[in-house]
Amino acid sequence: MDDSTPVYTISVAADLAQMHPQTLRQYDRLGLVVPKRVNGRNRLYSAQDVDRLREIAELSAAGISLEGIRRVLELQAEVDRLRDQVNAYANEKRSTSLVVWRPHRRRGA
């Protein structure tokens, strides 16, 4: 089990994030946090989801609108994706070496 495993019910996740459960439902409708659905209805949140809820609360407290928060989170995800690509490229570049073979020229050829 890791931080992405959904284990918290909406009431527990709301308590951990210090929010009202209705707020979590609204964020789900807006796509800010997308919990796993169990039996088609019940929401289960992971530790990553709770961290994201806390981040949303911080951004909201800073006066950022929900649309602004959505855009900030979207841009952060894009930065993370690009950072992963750069790291993968750097690792590939480090693991690849170029060997140049230069035979000695014969005299008179």
Protein backbone atom coordinates (compact mmCIF):
# COMPACT_ATOMS: atom_id res chain seq x y z
CA MET A 1 0.00 0.00 0.00
CA ASP A 2 1.34 3.47 -0.88
CA ASP A 3 0.16 7.09 -0.78
CA SER A 4 -1.92 6.62 -3.92
CA THR A 5 -4.02 3.77 -2.47
CA PRO A 6 -7.58 4.99 -1.79
CA VAL A 7 -8.48 4.11 1.80
CA TYR A 8 -10.28 7.09 3.38
CA THR A 9 -14.03 7.61 3.26
CA ILE A 10 -15.26 11.11 2.52
CA SER A 11 -15.86 11.88 6.20
CA VAL A 12 -12.34 10.78 7.22
CA ALA A 13 -10.72 12.61 4.29
CA ALA A 14 -12.69 15.74 5.17
CA ASP A 15 -11.51 15.53 8.79
CA LEU A 16 -7.89 15.02 7.72
CA ALA A 17 -8.07 17.99 5.34
CA GLN A 18 -10.07 20.04 7.89
CA MET A 19 -12.92 20.60 5.41
CA HIS A 20 -16.62 19.90 5.24
CA PRO A 21 -17.56 16.75 3.26
CA GLN A 22 -19.73 18.90 0.97
CA THR A 23 -16.61 20.84 -0.02
CA LEU A 24 -14.97 17.57 -1.10
CA ARG A 25 -18.03 16.73 -3.19
CA GLN A 26 -17.82 20.14 -4.87
CA TYR A 27 -14.11 19.68 -5.61
CA ASP A 28 -14.93 16.25 -7.08
CA ARG A 29 -17.58 17.79 -9.36
CA LEU A 30 -15.06 20.42 -10.50
CA GLY A 31 -12.36 17.79 -11.06
CA LEU A 32 -9.95 19.33 -8.56
CA VAL A 33 -9.72 16.03 -6.69
CA VAL A 34 -11.02 12.84 -8.24
CA PRO A 35 -11.47 10.10 -5.62
CA LYS A 36 -11.93 6.46 -6.52
CA ARG A 37 -15.55 5.34 -6.68
CA VAL A 38 -16.52 2.13 -4.92
CA ASN A 39 -19.79 0.43 -5.84
CA GLY A 40 -20.48 3.35 -8.16
CA ARG A 41 -21.34 5.75 -5.34
CA ASN A 42 -18.99 5.80 -2.38
CA ARG A 43 -15.84 7.91 -2.66
CA LEU A 44 -12.50 6.71 -1.34
CA TYR A 45 -9.59 9.14 -0.97
CA SER A 46 -5.87 8.40 -0.87
CA ALA A 47 -3.19 10.16 1.18
CA GLN A 48 -2.21 11.97 -2.06
CA ASP A 49 -5.81 13.16 -2.41
CA VAL A 50 -5.76 14.49 1.16
CA ASP A 51 -2.49 16.32 0.47
CA ARG A 52 -4.06 17.83 -2.64
CA LEU A 53 -7.10 18.94 -0.61
CA ARG A 54 -4.77 20.68 1.83
CA GLU A 55 -2.98 22.38 -1.07
CA ILE A 56 -6.34 23.54 -2.46
CA ALA A 57 -7.23 24.94 0.97
CA GLU A 58 -3.95 26.87 1.10
CA LEU A 59 -4.48 28.32 -2.38
CA SER A 60 -8.06 29.23 -1.52
CA ALA A 61 -6.93 30.92 1.70
CA ALA A 62 -4.48 32.95 -0.41
CA GLY A 63 -7.47 34.34 -2.32
CA ILE A 64 -7.22 32.26 -5.49
CA SER A 65 -10.54 31.38 -7.15
CA LEU A 66 -11.51 27.76 -7.80
CA GLU A 67 -10.83 28.24 -11.52
CA GLY A 68 -7.44 29.72 -10.65
CA ILE A 69 -6.73 26.76 -8.37
CA ARG A 70 -7.69 24.35 -11.14
CA ARG A 71 -5.25 26.10 -13.48
CA VAL A 72 -2.44 26.16 -10.87
CA LEU A 73 -2.86 22.42 -10.26
CA GLU A 74 -2.93 21.76 -14.00
CA LEU A 75 0.29 23.74 -14.50
CA GLN A 76 1.97 21.97 -11.57
CA ALA A 77 1.10 18.60 -13.13
CA GLU A 78 2.55 19.75 -16.45
CA VAL A 79 5.76 20.92 -14.74
CA ASP A 80 6.04 17.54 -12.97
CA ARG A 81 5.53 15.69 -16.27
CA LEU A 82 8.16 17.84 -18.02
CA ARG A 83 10.59 17.42 -15.12
CA ASP A 84 10.20 13.64 -15.40
CA GLN A 85 10.93 13.84 -19.14
CA VAL A 86 14.05 15.96 -18.55
CA ASN A 87 15.28 13.54 -15.87
CA ALA A 88 14.66 10.57 -18.15
CA TYR A 89 16.58 12.32 -20.95
CA ALA A 90 19.45 13.19 -18.60
CA ASN A 91 19.63 9.58 -17.35
CA GLU A 92 19.59 8.30 -20.92
CA LYS A 93 22.30 10.74 -21.93
CA ARG A 94 24.50 9.71 -18.99
CA SER A 95 24.08 6.02 -19.77
CA THR A 96 24.91 6.42 -23.45
CA SER A 97 28.48 6.88 -24.47
CA LEU A 98 29.88 7.48 -27.91
CA VAL A 99 32.98 5.63 -28.90
CA VAL A 100 34.80 6.87 -31.96
CA TRP A 101 37.24 4.56 -33.61
CA ARG A 102 39.98 6.18 -35.60
CA PRO A 103 42.23 3.73 -37.36
CA HIS A 104 45.77 4.87 -37.99
CA ARG A 105 46.27 5.95 -41.56
CA ARG A 106 48.76 3.98 -43.48
CA ARG A 107 51.52 5.88 -45.05
CA GLY A 108 51.45 5.86 -48.74
CA ALA A 109 47.81 4.97 -49.04
